[in-house]
Amino acid sequence: QKDEKFEQNYQGCRTNNINTGAYWYSYATSPEDARLEASACLNVLAGKVFEYPVYFDIEDKVQASLPKNRIQDITVTFCNILESAGYWVGIYSYKSFLETNFTKELLERYSVWVAHTGVSKTNYSYPYGIWQYSHNGKIDGINGAVDLNYSYTDYPDLIRSAGKNGYIPNDDTQYILHTVKKNESLWSISEKYLGNGTRYPEIKVLNNLSTDTIYEGQVLKIINE
């Protein structure tokens, strides 16, 4: 389900030029559930770009008692659907859950974000791109505790170069990216880039937008003419 602060947080990151990622907290107990969650996740992500992977967060207590092969099938089902839609996906969970329930092949197949707190250095057994080392961090401007992480992989460069998560590959000049500014509309953006405001439906189709509403900080693909 969509976090009630997702849109606010996403827009805040875009407005302040903060690289952004996403995770989907799963309650799935079967591959069928995972397909439904993947579809819902794609609806939430539509029209947005992300510089960090989209992670499948599998850690809930309803999943902890499942057989290992079921956990793996759930994860692969979700991740494959998002990969097919053009996203760079990964797996998030706590150290023991990852080490107990996943094969080495799967943990090397997808980007891993491992949670292991209360230690000066994680001894997680497999490759990982991000280590979550605290749940009690403090960040200026944010009330309350926040999670803190170290990233060891330059995901923004990799994702932009690969043309994932809403980006266009570096060698493809067919499109340009436009970050929506305050008071802009699809009509005004269409006038600017396409020479005619009446062509705004082309931008909607290209960005999988279901309405005419856009917001400050949103990144749109535009045909490069």
C-alpha atoms as a PDB file:
ATOM      1  CA  GLN A   1       0.000   0.000   0.000  1.00  0.00           C
ATOM      2  CA  LYS A   2       1.106   3.544  -0.713  1.00  0.00           C
ATOM      3  CA  ASP A   3       2.678   5.460   2.168  1.00  0.00           C
ATOM      4  CA  GLU A   4       0.633   8.532   3.021  1.00  0.00           C
ATOM      5  CA  LYS A   5       3.753  10.720   2.854  1.00  0.00           C
ATOM      6  CA  PHE A   6       5.195   9.234  -0.329  1.00  0.00           C
ATOM      7  CA  GLU A   7       4.163  12.064  -2.655  1.00  0.00           C
ATOM      8  CA  GLN A   8       5.271  14.721  -0.162  1.00  0.00           C
ATOM      9  CA  ASN A   9       8.643  13.081   0.368  1.00  0.00           C
ATOM     10  CA  TYR A  10       9.203  12.498  -3.336  1.00  0.00           C
ATOM     11  CA  GLN A  11       8.364  16.074  -4.244  1.00  0.00           C
ATOM     12  CA  GLY A  12      10.582  17.366  -1.447  1.00  0.00           C
ATOM     13  CA  CYS A  13      13.523  15.384  -2.783  1.00  0.00           C
ATOM     14  CA  ARG A  14      12.983  16.565  -6.350  1.00  0.00           C
ATOM     15  CA  THR A  15      12.600  20.184  -5.314  1.00  0.00           C
ATOM     16  CA  ASN A  16      15.832  20.066  -3.297  1.00  0.00           C
ATOM     17  CA  ASN A  17      17.824  18.039  -5.842  1.00  0.00           C
ATOM     18  CA  ILE A  18      18.157  15.009  -3.568  1.00  0.00           C
ATOM     19  CA  ASN A  19      18.718  11.684  -5.302  1.00  0.00           C
ATOM     20  CA  THR A  20      15.715   9.483  -4.704  1.00  0.00           C
ATOM     21  CA  GLY A  21      14.883   5.801  -4.375  1.00  0.00           C
ATOM     22  CA  ALA A  22      11.846   3.825  -3.253  1.00  0.00           C
ATOM     23  CA  TYR A  23      10.909   0.637  -1.465  1.00  0.00           C
ATOM     24  CA  TRP A  24       7.767  -1.443  -1.374  1.00  0.00           C
ATOM     25  CA  TYR A  25       6.960  -2.966   2.020  1.00  0.00           C
ATOM     26  CA  SER A  26       5.503  -6.374   1.270  1.00  0.00           C
ATOM     27  CA  TYR A  27       2.858  -8.447   2.986  1.00  0.00           C
ATOM     28  CA  ALA A  28       2.774 -11.040   0.204  1.00  0.00           C
ATOM     29  CA  THR A  29       2.563 -14.691   1.203  1.00  0.00           C
ATOM     30  CA  SER A  30       2.337 -16.132  -2.314  1.00  0.00           C
ATOM     31  CA  PRO A  31       3.561 -15.316  -5.837  1.00  0.00           C
ATOM     32  CA  GLU A  32      -0.017 -14.318  -6.683  1.00  0.00           C
ATOM     33  CA  ASP A  33       0.082 -11.725  -3.896  1.00  0.00           C
ATOM     34  CA  ALA A  34       3.443 -10.523  -5.200  1.00  0.00           C
ATOM     35  CA  ARG A  35       1.958  -9.950  -8.673  1.00  0.00           C
ATOM     36  CA  LEU A  36      -0.794  -7.809  -7.194  1.00  0.00           C
ATOM     37  CA  GLU A  37       1.719  -5.850  -5.136  1.00  0.00           C
ATOM     38  CA  ALA A  38       3.944  -5.316  -8.175  1.00  0.00           C
ATOM     39  CA  SER A  39       1.007  -3.936 -10.146  1.00  0.00           C
ATOM     40  CA  ALA A  40       0.092  -1.568  -7.321  1.00  0.00           C
ATOM     41  CA  CYS A  41       3.722  -0.496  -6.967  1.00  0.00           C
ATOM     42  CA  LEU A  42       3.998   0.328 -10.675  1.00  0.00           C
ATOM     43  CA  ASN A  43       0.929   2.551 -10.382  1.00  0.00           C
ATOM     44  CA  VAL A  44       2.579   4.461  -7.536  1.00  0.00           C
ATOM     45  CA  LEU A  45       5.872   4.857  -9.418  1.00  0.00           C
ATOM     46  CA  ALA A  46       4.348   5.947 -12.736  1.00  0.00           C
ATOM     47  CA  GLY A  47       5.547   9.302 -14.017  1.00  0.00           C
ATOM     48  CA  LYS A  48       8.452   9.508 -11.567  1.00  0.00           C
ATOM     49  CA  VAL A  49      12.207   8.999 -11.862  1.00  0.00           C
ATOM     50  CA  PHE A  50      14.539   7.475  -9.287  1.00  0.00           C
ATOM     51  CA  GLU A  51      18.312   7.574  -8.975  1.00  0.00           C
ATOM     52  CA  TYR A  52      18.407   4.669  -6.543  1.00  0.00           C
ATOM     53  CA  PRO A  53      16.853   1.218  -6.983  1.00  0.00           C
ATOM     54  CA  VAL A  54      13.287   0.294  -6.202  1.00  0.00           C
ATOM     55  CA  TYR A  55      13.588  -2.224  -3.378  1.00  0.00           C
ATOM     56  CA  PHE A  56      11.321  -5.102  -2.479  1.00  0.00           C
ATOM     57  CA  ASP A  57      11.150  -4.924   1.329  1.00  0.00           C
ATOM     58  CA  ILE A  58      10.473  -8.433   2.579  1.00  0.00           C
ATOM     59  CA  GLU A  59      10.674  -8.738   6.357  1.00  0.00           C
ATOM     60  CA  ASP A  60       7.143  -8.845   7.756  1.00  0.00           C
ATOM     61  CA  LYS A  61       6.249 -11.394  10.430  1.00  0.00           C
ATOM     62  CA  VAL A  62       3.711 -13.037   8.101  1.00  0.00           C
ATOM     63  CA  GLN A  63       6.613 -13.927   5.802  1.00  0.00           C
ATOM     64  CA  ALA A  64       9.141 -15.041   8.404  1.00  0.00           C
ATOM     65  CA  SER A  65       7.456 -18.433   8.871  1.00  0.00           C
ATOM     66  CA  LEU A  66       7.119 -19.188   5.156  1.00  0.00           C
ATOM     67  CA  PRO A  67       9.245 -21.876   3.474  1.00  0.00           C
ATOM     68  CA  LYS A  68      12.431 -20.563   1.903  1.00  0.00           C
ATOM     69  CA  ASN A  69      11.373 -21.501  -1.613  1.00  0.00           C
ATOM     70  CA  ARG A  70       8.107 -19.573  -1.162  1.00  0.00           C
ATOM     71  CA  ILE A  71       9.976 -16.487   0.007  1.00  0.00           C
ATOM     72  CA  GLN A  72      12.272 -16.722  -3.000  1.00  0.00           C
ATOM     73  CA  ASP A  73       9.371 -17.226  -5.439  1.00  0.00           C
ATOM     74  CA  ILE A  74       7.564 -14.193  -3.989  1.00  0.00           C
ATOM     75  CA  THR A  75      10.652 -12.029  -4.323  1.00  0.00           C
ATOM     76  CA  VAL A  76      11.541 -13.131  -7.852  1.00  0.00           C
ATOM     77  CA  THR A  77       7.953 -12.623  -9.016  1.00  0.00           C
ATOM     78  CA  PHE A  78       7.851  -9.043  -7.768  1.00  0.00           C
ATOM     79  CA  CYS A  79      11.347  -8.134  -8.955  1.00  0.00           C
ATOM     80  CA  ASN A  80      10.908  -9.630 -12.421  1.00  0.00           C
ATOM     81  CA  ILE A  81       7.722  -7.668 -13.031  1.00  0.00           C
ATOM     82  CA  LEU A  82       9.384  -4.387 -12.080  1.00  0.00           C
ATOM     83  CA  GLU A  83      12.487  -5.210 -14.108  1.00  0.00           C
ATOM     84  CA  SER A  84      10.314  -5.878 -17.141  1.00  0.00           C
ATOM     85  CA  ALA A  85       8.813  -2.403 -16.651  1.00  0.00           C
ATOM     86  CA  GLY A  86      12.264  -0.798 -16.799  1.00  0.00           C
ATOM     87  CA  TYR A  87      13.191  -0.477 -13.135  1.00  0.00           C
ATOM     88  CA  TRP A  88      16.467  -1.265 -11.392  1.00  0.00           C
ATOM     89  CA  VAL A  89      15.240  -3.421  -8.537  1.00  0.00           C
ATOM     90  CA  GLY A  90      16.740  -4.731  -5.338  1.00  0.00           C
ATOM     91  CA  ILE A  91      15.954  -6.625  -2.146  1.00  0.00           C
ATOM     92  CA  TYR A  92      15.802  -5.042   1.312  1.00  0.00           C
ATOM     93  CA  SER A  93      15.674  -6.944   4.580  1.00  0.00           C
ATOM     94  CA  TYR A  94      17.582  -7.484   7.780  1.00  0.00           C
ATOM     95  CA  LYS A  95      20.807  -9.483   7.768  1.00  0.00           C
ATOM     96  CA  SER A  96      19.588 -12.762   9.240  1.00  0.00           C
ATOM     97  CA  PHE A  97      16.493 -12.861   7.038  1.00  0.00           C
ATOM     98  CA  LEU A  98      18.578 -12.446   3.891  1.00  0.00           C
ATOM     99  CA  GLU A  99      21.198 -14.995   4.913  1.00  0.00           C
ATOM    100  CA  THR A 100      18.626 -17.564   6.053  1.00  0.00           C
ATOM    101  CA  ASN A 101      16.077 -17.408   3.245  1.00  0.00           C
ATOM    102  CA  PHE A 102      17.895 -16.577   0.006  1.00  0.00           C
ATOM    103  CA  THR A 103      20.376 -18.429  -2.159  1.00  0.00           C
ATOM    104  CA  LYS A 104      23.761 -16.942  -3.011  1.00  0.00           C
ATOM    105  CA  GLU A 105      22.650 -16.727  -6.650  1.00  0.00           C
ATOM    106  CA  LEU A 106      19.622 -14.569  -5.854  1.00  0.00           C
ATOM    107  CA  LEU A 107      21.539 -12.291  -3.517  1.00  0.00           C
ATOM    108  CA  GLU A 108      24.072 -11.699  -6.278  1.00  0.00           C
ATOM    109  CA  ARG A 109      21.380 -11.362  -8.946  1.00  0.00           C
ATOM    110  CA  TYR A 110      19.697  -8.325  -7.365  1.00  0.00           C
ATOM    111  CA  SER A 111      21.007  -5.225  -5.624  1.00  0.00           C
ATOM    112  CA  VAL A 112      20.893  -5.734  -1.857  1.00  0.00           C
ATOM    113  CA  TRP A 113      20.140  -3.198   0.866  1.00  0.00           C
ATOM    114  CA  VAL A 114      20.930  -4.903   4.164  1.00  0.00           C
ATOM    115  CA  ALA A 115      19.765  -3.725   7.585  1.00  0.00           C
ATOM    116  CA  HIS A 116      22.218  -4.565  10.367  1.00  0.00           C
ATOM    117  CA  THR A 117      22.170  -2.168  13.292  1.00  0.00           C
ATOM    118  CA  GLY A 118      24.037  -2.004  16.585  1.00  0.00           C
ATOM    119  CA  VAL A 119      27.395  -2.915  15.070  1.00  0.00           C
ATOM    120  CA  SER A 120      30.387  -0.856  13.963  1.00  0.00           C
ATOM    121  CA  LYS A 121      30.657  -2.851  10.743  1.00  0.00           C
ATOM    122  CA  THR A 122      28.312  -5.384   9.215  1.00  0.00           C
ATOM    123  CA  ASN A 123      29.526  -8.931   8.669  1.00  0.00           C
ATOM    124  CA  TYR A 124      26.782  -9.709   6.178  1.00  0.00           C
ATOM    125  CA  SER A 125      27.994 -12.611   4.056  1.00  0.00           C
ATOM    126  CA  TYR A 126      27.144 -11.510   0.511  1.00  0.00           C
ATOM    127  CA  PRO A 127      27.593  -8.457  -1.762  1.00  0.00           C
ATOM    128  CA  TYR A 128      25.540  -5.395  -0.865  1.00  0.00           C
ATOM    129  CA  GLY A 129      25.204  -1.875  -2.216  1.00  0.00           C
ATOM    130  CA  ILE A 130      23.695  -0.177   0.831  1.00  0.00           C
ATOM    131  CA  TRP A 131      24.080  -0.899   4.551  1.00  0.00           C
ATOM    132  CA  GLN A 132      21.454   0.430   6.956  1.00  0.00           C
ATOM    133  CA  TYR A 133      23.383   0.876  10.184  1.00  0.00           C
ATOM    134  CA  SER A 134      20.962   2.755  12.452  1.00  0.00           C
ATOM    135  CA  HIS A 135      17.254   3.259  13.129  1.00  0.00           C
ATOM    136  CA  ASN A 136      17.862   6.151  15.513  1.00  0.00           C
ATOM    137  CA  GLY A 137      19.538   8.817  13.433  1.00  0.00           C
ATOM    138  CA  LYS A 138      18.960  12.557  13.608  1.00  0.00           C
ATOM    139  CA  ILE A 139      18.710  14.786  10.542  1.00  0.00           C
ATOM    140  CA  ASP A 140      18.254  18.556  10.648  1.00  0.00           C
ATOM    141  CA  GLY A 141      14.748  19.505   9.556  1.00  0.00           C
ATOM    142  CA  ILE A 142      13.198  16.125  10.375  1.00  0.00           C
ATOM    143  CA  ASN A 143      11.342  15.507  13.618  1.00  0.00           C
ATOM    144  CA  GLY A 144      12.011  12.173  15.272  1.00  0.00           C
ATOM    145  CA  ALA A 145      14.400   9.332  14.589  1.00  0.00           C
ATOM    146  CA  VAL A 146      15.330   8.304  11.064  1.00  0.00           C
ATOM    147  CA  ASP A 147      17.152   5.359   9.510  1.00  0.00           C
ATOM    148  CA  LEU A 148      20.763   5.976   8.473  1.00  0.00           C
ATOM    149  CA  ASN A 149      22.584   4.231   5.640  1.00  0.00           C
ATOM    150  CA  TYR A 150      25.906   3.992   3.852  1.00  0.00           C
ATOM    151  CA  SER A 151      25.807   3.568   0.079  1.00  0.00           C
ATOM    152  CA  TYR A 152      28.823   1.882  -1.493  1.00  0.00           C
ATOM    153  CA  THR A 153      27.564   1.826  -5.088  1.00  0.00           C
ATOM    154  CA  ASP A 154      27.154   4.800  -7.424  1.00  0.00           C
ATOM    155  CA  TYR A 155      23.584   3.900  -8.281  1.00  0.00           C
ATOM    156  CA  PRO A 156      22.699   7.344  -9.722  1.00  0.00           C
ATOM    157  CA  ASP A 157      25.368   7.032 -12.404  1.00  0.00           C
ATOM    158  CA  LEU A 158      24.578   3.386 -13.136  1.00  0.00           C
ATOM    159  CA  ILE A 159      20.829   3.937 -13.347  1.00  0.00           C
ATOM    160  CA  ARG A 160      21.056   7.025 -15.544  1.00  0.00           C
ATOM    161  CA  SER A 161      23.542   5.313 -17.863  1.00  0.00           C
ATOM    162  CA  ALA A 162      21.395   2.189 -18.113  1.00  0.00           C
ATOM    163  CA  GLY A 163      18.237   4.163 -18.774  1.00  0.00           C
ATOM    164  CA  LYS A 164      16.373   2.641 -15.830  1.00  0.00           C
ATOM    165  CA  ASN A 165      13.826   4.083 -13.383  1.00  0.00           C
ATOM    166  CA  GLY A 166      12.419   6.592 -15.854  1.00  0.00           C
ATOM    167  CA  TYR A 167      15.738   7.723 -17.321  1.00  0.00           C
ATOM    168  CA  ILE A 168      16.795   7.486 -20.946  1.00  0.00           C
ATOM    169  CA  PRO A 169      20.085   5.733 -21.840  1.00  0.00           C
ATOM    170  CA  ASN A 170      22.979   8.149 -22.304  1.00  0.00           C
ATOM    171  CA  ASP A 171      23.365   7.254 -25.970  1.00  0.00           C
ATOM    172  CA  ASP A 172      19.700   7.897 -26.775  1.00  0.00           C
ATOM    173  CA  THR A 173      18.936  11.474 -27.841  1.00  0.00           C
ATOM    174  CA  GLN A 174      15.310  10.827 -28.729  1.00  0.00           C
ATOM    175  CA  TYR A 175      14.095  12.355 -25.453  1.00  0.00           C
ATOM    176  CA  ILE A 176      15.034  15.085 -23.012  1.00  0.00           C
ATOM    177  CA  LEU A 177      14.128  15.357 -19.332  1.00  0.00           C
ATOM    178  CA  HIS A 178      12.263  18.347 -17.922  1.00  0.00           C
ATOM    179  CA  THR A 179      11.841  19.063 -14.214  1.00  0.00           C
ATOM    180  CA  VAL A 180       8.491  20.730 -13.611  1.00  0.00           C
ATOM    181  CA  LYS A 181       8.720  24.222 -12.141  1.00  0.00           C
ATOM    182  CA  LYS A 182       6.186  26.105 -10.030  1.00  0.00           C
ATOM    183  CA  ASN A 183       3.013  27.099 -11.931  1.00  0.00           C
ATOM    184  CA  GLU A 184       3.931  25.123 -15.052  1.00  0.00           C
ATOM    185  CA  SER A 185       1.297  23.076 -16.836  1.00  0.00           C
ATOM    186  CA  LEU A 186       1.403  20.366 -19.467  1.00  0.00           C
ATOM    187  CA  TRP A 187       0.133  22.972 -21.920  1.00  0.00           C
ATOM    188  CA  SER A 188       2.981  25.430 -21.199  1.00  0.00           C
ATOM    189  CA  ILE A 189       5.592  22.665 -21.309  1.00  0.00           C
ATOM    190  CA  SER A 190       4.193  21.466 -24.626  1.00  0.00           C
ATOM    191  CA  GLU A 191       4.371  25.007 -25.993  1.00  0.00           C
ATOM    192  CA  LYS A 192       7.997  25.307 -24.871  1.00  0.00           C
ATOM    193  CA  TYR A 193       9.302  22.032 -26.284  1.00  0.00           C
ATOM    194  CA  LEU A 194       6.824  20.994 -28.963  1.00  0.00           C
ATOM    195  CA  GLY A 195       5.838  24.433 -30.229  1.00  0.00           C
ATOM    196  CA  ASN A 196       2.135  23.996 -29.591  1.00  0.00           C
ATOM    197  CA  GLY A 197       0.212  23.614 -26.343  1.00  0.00           C
ATOM    198  CA  THR A 198      -2.385  21.399 -27.995  1.00  0.00           C
ATOM    199  CA  ARG A 199       0.225  18.643 -28.252  1.00  0.00           C
ATOM    200  CA  TYR A 200       0.306  18.128 -24.469  1.00  0.00           C
ATOM    201  CA  PRO A 201      -1.454  14.711 -24.752  1.00  0.00           C
ATOM    202  CA  GLU A 202       1.772  13.416 -26.349  1.00  0.00           C
ATOM    203  CA  ILE A 203       3.605  14.211 -23.104  1.00  0.00           C
ATOM    204  CA  LYS A 204       0.882  12.468 -21.090  1.00  0.00           C
ATOM    205  CA  VAL A 205       1.158   9.295 -23.152  1.00  0.00           C
ATOM    206  CA  LEU A 206       4.966   9.264 -23.033  1.00  0.00           C
ATOM    207  CA  ASN A 207       4.958   9.583 -19.237  1.00  0.00           C
ATOM    208  CA  ASN A 208       2.005   7.270 -18.542  1.00  0.00           C
ATOM    209  CA  LEU A 209       0.015  10.092 -16.924  1.00  0.00           C
ATOM    210  CA  SER A 210      -3.644   9.388 -16.249  1.00  0.00           C
ATOM    211  CA  THR A 211      -4.587  13.025 -15.511  1.00  0.00           C
ATOM    212  CA  ASP A 212      -3.500  16.516 -16.560  1.00  0.00           C
ATOM    213  CA  THR A 213      -2.183  17.246 -13.054  1.00  0.00           C
ATOM    214  CA  ILE A 214       1.569  17.694 -12.636  1.00  0.00           C
ATOM    215  CA  TYR A 215       3.520  19.020  -9.671  1.00  0.00           C
ATOM    216  CA  GLU A 216       6.676  20.966  -8.953  1.00  0.00           C
ATOM    217  CA  GLY A 217       9.761  18.736  -8.997  1.00  0.00           C
ATOM    218  CA  GLN A 218       8.206  16.046 -11.200  1.00  0.00           C
ATOM    219  CA  VAL A 219      10.478  14.880 -14.025  1.00  0.00           C
ATOM    220  CA  LEU A 220       8.917  14.439 -17.466  1.00  0.00           C
ATOM    221  CA  LYS A 221      10.278  12.851 -20.622  1.00  0.00           C
ATOM    222  CA  ILE A 222       9.790  15.084 -23.662  1.00  0.00           C
ATOM    223  CA  ILE A 223      10.265  14.188 -27.326  1.00  0.00           C
ATOM    224  CA  ASN A 224      13.445  15.900 -28.533  1.00  0.00           C
ATOM    225  CA  GLU A 225      12.535  17.674 -31.746  1.00  0.00           C
END
